C-alpha cells in the first residue's frame, strides 16, 4: 500500500491537533502578521499619506479576495439591505483610516493599546443599539478599561496628543462597524459583507487618495503589496481561529500584539515606552481580557 502524499499526511497531523490549539496557532499567526503590517504602515507613512495607504489596502484586498467573490457569483453577492452595508462602509472606512493615521503619527505601542479599547466601546453599543443585557461585572471592567485609556491620554499632563484621540475614535468607529455585522448576520453572509466593504472602500477613498497623491517609489510598491496581502491574510487567520477554537481559550493570544508593537517600535523605529504607557496598556489589556471572558460565558457563546 502506497504511503499518503506528504501534504495529505501534514493535513491529517494538523486535524489531529486539539481544536483550541489549532485556533491558538491561527490567531497567533494572524496577530504576528498584523504586527508586521503595522510596521509596513509606519514605514510607508514617512512619504505616503495614510489615506492613500488605506486606498491601496482596499485595492490589493479586493484583488486577493476576487476568487472568493467570483465563486459566490452575482446572485450570492446581491443584497436586499444596501442601507446597513453603506453605514458599515462609512464607519469601517473611517475607523481603518484612523488606525493608519495613528500608527503613522504615534508610538506603535501607544497606538496599538488605544485601539484595543474597541471591546470597551462594544459593551456600550451592545446595550444602546443591540438591546443586549450586560452584567455588572462587565460594566465594571469597561469603566476600569476606560480609566486605562485616560491614563494613556494623560489629560493632566498638558496638551492631549490629537492622534491619540484619533486612535480612540477609530476604535469607536470599528466597534460600531462590528455591531452592524451582528445586525446584518441573519441575512448577510461574511463574504458578501467583505465584498461591499472592499469595493465601497475603493470608491469612497479614490477621490481623497488622489487629492493627496504621492507616487510610491521603488520598494514602496512591494511594501504596499505586502500590506494589502498581509491584512487580508490576517483577517482569514482570525476567522479560521474563532471558527475552530473557543474564544476564552484562544483570545488572550491576541494580546501578544501589544508585545510585538513594543518590540517593533523600540528596535526598528527607536521609540521609547514610558511608565504611564505601560500602566495604561496593562489596565486596558486586563479589562478587555475580562470582558472577553465574560462574553464567552454567555449562553451559545
Protein backbone atom coordinates (compact mmCIF):
# COMPACT_ATOMS: atom_id res chain seq x y z
CA UNK A 1 0.00 0.00 0.00
CA UNK A 2 1.42 3.38 -1.03
CA UNK A 3 2.03 5.88 1.79
CA UNK A 4 -0.15 9.02 1.67
CA UNK A 5 1.35 12.10 -0.03
CA UNK A 6 3.29 14.40 2.34
CA UNK A 7 0.67 17.16 2.08
CA UNK A 8 -2.14 14.75 2.97
CA UNK A 9 -0.16 13.47 5.95
CA UNK A 10 0.50 17.01 7.16
CA UNK A 11 -3.21 17.76 6.88
CA UNK A 12 -4.02 14.68 8.96
CA UNK A 13 -1.49 15.68 11.62
CA UNK A 14 -2.95 19.20 11.69
CA UNK A 15 -6.52 17.95 12.10
CA UNK A 16 -5.43 15.60 14.89
CA UNK A 17 -4.36 18.60 16.99
CA UNK A 18 -6.87 19.79 19.63
CA UNK A 19 -9.28 22.41 18.25
CA UNK A 20 -8.15 25.07 20.72
CA UNK A 21 -4.50 24.50 19.81
CA UNK A 22 -5.32 24.94 16.12
CA UNK A 23 -7.27 28.09 16.96
CA UNK A 24 -4.36 29.37 19.02
CA UNK A 25 -1.95 28.81 16.12
CA UNK A 26 -4.27 30.54 13.63
CA UNK A 27 -4.78 33.52 15.96
CA UNK A 28 -1.09 33.78 16.82
CA UNK A 29 -0.25 33.79 13.11
CA UNK A 30 -2.85 36.47 12.40
CA UNK A 31 -1.60 38.61 15.29
CA UNK A 32 2.01 38.38 14.10
CA UNK A 33 1.01 39.25 10.52
CA UNK A 34 -0.96 42.31 11.68
CA UNK A 35 2.04 43.49 13.70
CA UNK A 36 4.27 43.20 10.63
CA UNK A 37 1.75 45.12 8.50
CA UNK A 38 1.62 47.82 11.20
CA UNK A 39 5.39 48.21 10.78
CA UNK A 40 4.88 48.48 7.00
CA UNK A 41 2.25 51.19 7.52
CA UNK A 42 4.65 53.17 9.70
CA UNK A 43 7.49 52.84 7.18
CA UNK A 44 5.33 53.80 4.21
CA UNK A 45 3.73 56.65 6.16
CA UNK A 46 7.00 58.57 6.09
CA UNK A 47 6.39 59.52 2.45
CA UNK A 48 2.85 58.37 1.58
CA UNK A 49 -0.30 59.87 3.20
CA UNK A 50 -2.30 57.41 5.37
CA UNK A 51 -5.47 57.93 3.29
CA UNK A 52 -3.61 56.78 0.19
CA UNK A 53 -2.30 53.73 2.07
CA UNK A 54 -5.83 52.75 3.11
CA UNK A 55 -6.93 53.09 -0.52
CA UNK A 56 -4.13 50.74 -1.62
CA UNK A 57 -5.05 48.33 1.17
CA UNK A 58 -8.59 48.05 -0.23
CA UNK A 59 -7.38 47.70 -3.83
CA UNK A 60 -4.97 44.87 -3.01
CA UNK A 61 -7.54 43.26 -0.69
CA UNK A 62 -10.24 43.11 -3.35
CA UNK A 63 -7.74 41.60 -5.83
CA UNK A 64 -6.68 38.93 -3.33
CA UNK A 65 -10.30 38.09 -2.45
CA UNK A 66 -11.55 38.17 -6.06
CA UNK A 67 -11.55 34.34 -6.46
CA UNK A 68 -13.81 34.10 -3.39
CA UNK A 69 -16.17 36.75 -4.76
CA UNK A 70 -16.19 35.11 -8.21
CA UNK A 71 -17.07 31.75 -6.69
CA UNK A 72 -20.03 33.29 -4.86
CA UNK A 73 -21.38 34.79 -8.09
CA UNK A 74 -23.68 37.72 -8.77
CA UNK A 75 -26.69 36.11 -7.10
CA UNK A 76 -24.73 35.35 -3.94
CA UNK A 77 -23.30 38.87 -3.74
CA UNK A 78 -26.58 40.67 -4.41
CA UNK A 79 -28.06 42.26 -1.30
CA UNK A 80 -31.53 43.42 -0.32
CA UNK A 81 -30.10 45.53 2.53
CA UNK A 82 -27.94 48.27 0.99
CA UNK A 83 -28.56 50.66 3.89
CA UNK A 84 -26.67 48.72 6.59
CA UNK A 85 -23.85 47.97 4.13
CA UNK A 86 -23.45 51.69 3.37
CA UNK A 87 -23.49 52.61 7.06
CA UNK A 88 -20.90 49.95 7.86
CA UNK A 89 -18.78 51.02 4.89
CA UNK A 90 -18.54 54.61 6.16
CA UNK A 91 -17.87 53.56 9.76
CA UNK A 92 -15.30 50.88 8.92
CA UNK A 93 -13.51 53.06 6.37
CA UNK A 94 -13.39 55.93 8.86
CA UNK A 95 -12.05 53.56 11.52
CA UNK A 96 -9.49 52.00 9.18
CA UNK A 97 -8.24 55.43 8.14
CA UNK A 98 -7.98 56.50 11.79
CA UNK A 99 -5.97 53.37 12.59
CA UNK A 100 -3.49 54.10 9.80
CA UNK A 101 -3.17 57.76 10.84
CA UNK A 102 -2.50 56.88 14.49
CA UNK A 103 0.06 54.19 13.56
CA UNK A 104 1.94 56.65 11.34
CA UNK A 105 2.00 59.52 13.84
CA UNK A 106 2.15 57.79 17.26
CA UNK A 107 4.45 55.36 19.01
CA UNK A 108 3.40 51.93 17.79
CA UNK A 109 2.78 50.58 21.31
CA UNK A 110 0.57 53.56 22.23
CA UNK A 111 -1.49 53.38 19.04
CA UNK A 112 -1.96 49.61 19.37
CA UNK A 113 -3.01 49.80 23.02
CA UNK A 114 -5.58 52.54 22.38
CA UNK A 115 -7.04 50.52 19.51
CA UNK A 116 -7.57 47.67 21.98
CA UNK A 117 -10.21 49.88 23.62
CA UNK A 118 -12.64 48.67 20.94
CA UNK A 119 -14.22 45.99 23.22
CA UNK A 120 -14.92 48.72 25.79
CA UNK A 121 -16.99 50.66 23.25
CA UNK A 122 -18.61 47.40 22.13
CA UNK A 123 -20.12 47.00 25.62
CA UNK A 124 -21.84 50.39 25.41
CA UNK A 125 -23.00 49.83 21.83
CA UNK A 126 -24.38 46.39 22.72
CA UNK A 127 -26.64 48.00 25.34
CA UNK A 128 -27.69 51.12 23.44
CA UNK A 129 -28.22 49.70 19.94
CA UNK A 130 -28.44 45.90 20.19
CA UNK A 131 -30.56 45.77 23.39
CA UNK A 132 -28.17 43.26 24.95
CA UNK A 133 -28.06 42.67 28.69
CA UNK A 134 -24.66 43.36 30.24
CA UNK A 135 -23.62 42.13 33.67
CA UNK A 136 -22.46 44.45 36.43
CA UNK A 137 -19.03 42.84 36.33
CA UNK A 138 -18.68 43.62 32.63
CA UNK A 139 -19.71 47.23 33.26
CA UNK A 140 -17.06 47.44 35.99
CA UNK A 141 -14.42 46.05 33.62
CA UNK A 142 -15.49 48.56 30.97
CA UNK A 143 -15.16 51.51 33.37
CA UNK A 144 -11.74 50.27 34.51
CA UNK A 145 -10.69 49.86 30.88
CA UNK A 146 -11.64 53.45 30.07
CA UNK A 147 -9.58 54.51 33.09
CA UNK A 148 -6.64 52.88 31.29
CA UNK A 149 -7.45 54.92 28.18
CA UNK A 150 -7.48 58.11 30.27
CA UNK A 151 -4.11 57.17 31.79
CA UNK A 152 -2.66 56.88 28.28
CA UNK A 153 -4.25 60.15 27.14
CA UNK A 154 -2.84 61.91 30.24
CA UNK A 155 -5.20 64.93 30.21
CA UNK A 156 -3.45 66.43 33.26
CA UNK A 157 -0.04 66.48 31.59
CA UNK A 158 -0.82 69.43 29.32
CA UNK A 159 -1.94 69.12 25.70
CA UNK A 160 -3.53 65.79 24.75
CA UNK A 161 -1.96 64.23 21.66
CA UNK A 162 -4.61 64.71 18.93
CA UNK A 163 -3.50 61.49 17.26
CA UNK A 164 -4.32 59.61 20.47
CA UNK A 165 -7.87 60.93 20.14
CA UNK A 166 -7.84 59.73 16.52
CA UNK A 167 -6.88 56.23 17.73
CA UNK A 168 -9.71 56.20 20.30
CA UNK A 169 -12.14 57.50 17.68
CA UNK A 170 -11.01 54.75 15.30
CA UNK A 171 -11.68 52.14 17.99
CA UNK A 172 -15.20 53.56 18.50
CA UNK A 173 -15.87 53.61 14.75
CA UNK A 174 -14.70 50.00 14.31
CA UNK A 175 -16.80 48.89 17.30
CA UNK A 176 -19.89 50.41 15.66
CA UNK A 177 -18.99 48.76 12.34
CA UNK A 178 -18.66 45.39 14.07
CA UNK A 179 -22.03 45.88 15.75
CA UNK A 180 -23.54 46.33 12.29
CA UNK A 181 -22.08 42.95 11.30
CA UNK A 182 -24.09 41.37 14.12
CA UNK A 183 -27.17 43.27 12.93
CA UNK A 184 -26.71 42.04 9.34
CA UNK A 185 -25.57 38.49 10.16
CA UNK A 186 -29.01 36.80 9.89
CA UNK A 187 -29.29 37.64 6.16
CA UNK A 188 -25.81 38.71 5.01
CA UNK A 189 -23.01 36.08 4.79
CA UNK A 190 -19.44 37.20 5.64
CA UNK A 191 -18.27 37.07 2.00
CA UNK A 192 -20.99 39.49 0.92
CA UNK A 193 -20.10 41.88 3.74
CA UNK A 194 -16.43 41.72 2.73
CA UNK A 195 -17.31 42.38 -0.92
CA UNK A 196 -19.23 45.60 -0.28
CA UNK A 197 -16.69 46.71 2.32
CA UNK A 198 -13.70 46.39 -0.04
CA UNK A 199 -15.44 47.57 -3.21
CA UNK A 200 -17.05 50.50 -1.42
CA UNK A 201 -13.77 51.39 0.27
CA UNK A 202 -12.03 51.67 -3.11
CA UNK A 203 -14.68 54.06 -4.47
CA UNK A 204 -15.03 56.01 -1.22
CA UNK A 205 -11.30 56.72 -0.87
CA UNK A 206 -10.37 57.09 -4.55
CA UNK A 207 -11.03 60.84 -4.51
CA UNK A 208 -9.28 61.64 -1.19
CA UNK A 209 -6.34 59.39 -2.13
CA UNK A 210 -5.75 61.12 -5.47
CA UNK A 211 -6.18 64.53 -3.82
CA UNK A 212 -3.14 63.88 -1.57
CA UNK A 213 -1.41 61.51 -4.00
CA UNK A 214 2.28 60.76 -3.58
CA UNK A 215 3.55 58.24 -6.14
CA UNK A 216 5.21 55.28 -4.39
CA UNK A 217 8.81 54.64 -5.37
CA UNK A 218 10.98 51.54 -5.56
CA UNK A 219 10.38 49.14 -2.67
CA UNK A 220 7.30 51.13 -1.60
CA UNK A 221 5.28 49.12 -4.12
CA UNK A 222 6.46 45.85 -2.58
CA UNK A 223 5.57 47.07 0.92
CA UNK A 224 2.13 48.18 -0.30
CA UNK A 225 1.51 44.76 -1.84
CA UNK A 226 2.67 43.02 1.35
CA UNK A 227 0.47 45.35 3.41
CA UNK A 228 -2.67 44.54 1.44
CA UNK A 229 -1.96 40.81 1.26
CA UNK A 230 -0.90 40.68 4.90
CA UNK A 231 -4.02 42.35 6.27
CA UNK A 232 -6.23 40.14 4.11
CA UNK A 233 -4.36 37.01 5.21
CA UNK A 234 -4.57 38.11 8.86
CA UNK A 235 -8.32 38.53 8.50
CA UNK A 236 -8.57 34.96 7.18
CA UNK A 237 -6.45 33.72 10.11
CA UNK A 238 -8.77 35.43 12.61
CA UNK A 239 -11.86 33.91 11.01
CA UNK A 240 -10.26 30.45 10.99
CA UNK A 241 -9.11 30.84 14.60
CA UNK A 242 -12.51 31.65 16.07
CA UNK A 243 -14.27 29.08 13.87
CA UNK A 244 -12.30 26.18 15.40
CA UNK A 245 -11.27 27.42 18.86
CA UNK A 246 -13.12 28.70 21.91
CA UNK A 247 -12.85 32.47 22.29
CA UNK A 248 -12.00 32.34 26.01
CA UNK A 249 -9.25 29.78 25.37
CA UNK A 250 -7.52 31.37 22.39
CA UNK A 251 -8.44 35.06 22.72
CA UNK A 252 -5.61 36.01 25.11
CA UNK A 253 -3.02 35.16 22.45
CA UNK A 254 -4.13 38.25 20.51
CA UNK A 255 -2.58 40.41 23.23
CA UNK A 256 0.85 39.33 22.02
CA UNK A 257 0.29 42.13 19.50
CA UNK A 258 0.99 44.62 22.30
CA UNK A 259 4.36 42.95 22.90
CA UNK A 260 5.15 42.85 19.17
CA UNK A 261 4.22 46.53 18.84
CA UNK A 262 6.52 47.47 21.71
CA UNK A 263 9.44 45.46 20.34
CA UNK A 264 8.99 46.72 16.76
CA UNK A 265 8.67 50.29 18.00
CA UNK A 266 11.80 50.13 20.15
CA UNK A 267 14.12 48.14 17.89
CA UNK A 268 13.03 49.28 14.42
CA UNK A 269 11.75 52.82 14.94
CA UNK A 270 13.78 53.81 18.02
CA UNK A 271 10.70 54.59 20.12
CA UNK A 272 10.60 54.70 23.92
CA UNK A 273 7.90 53.35 26.25
CA UNK A 274 7.28 55.32 29.45
CA UNK A 275 5.75 54.12 32.71
CA UNK A 276 2.32 55.66 32.00
CA UNK A 277 2.10 53.83 28.70
CA UNK A 278 2.88 50.54 30.46
CA UNK A 279 0.26 51.26 33.16
CA UNK A 280 -2.38 52.17 30.57
CA UNK A 281 -1.61 49.12 28.42
CA UNK A 282 -1.87 46.83 31.46
CA UNK A 283 -5.23 48.27 32.55
CA UNK A 284 -6.75 48.15 29.04
CA UNK A 285 -5.46 44.60 28.41
CA UNK A 286 -6.75 43.32 31.77
CA UNK A 287 -10.18 44.92 31.29
CA UNK A 288 -10.68 43.70 27.73
CA UNK A 289 -9.47 40.20 28.64
CA UNK A 290 -12.06 40.09 31.41
CA UNK A 291 -14.78 41.30 29.02
CA UNK A 292 -13.81 38.52 26.57
CA UNK A 293 -14.03 36.00 29.42
CA UNK A 294 -17.48 37.25 30.41
CA UNK A 295 -18.61 37.15 26.75
CA UNK A 296 -17.50 33.51 26.42
CA UNK A 297 -19.71 32.53 29.37
CA UNK A 298 -22.89 33.76 27.69
CA UNK A 299 -25.29 31.03 26.53
CA UNK A 300 -24.45 29.96 22.98
CA UNK A 301 -21.03 31.59 23.08
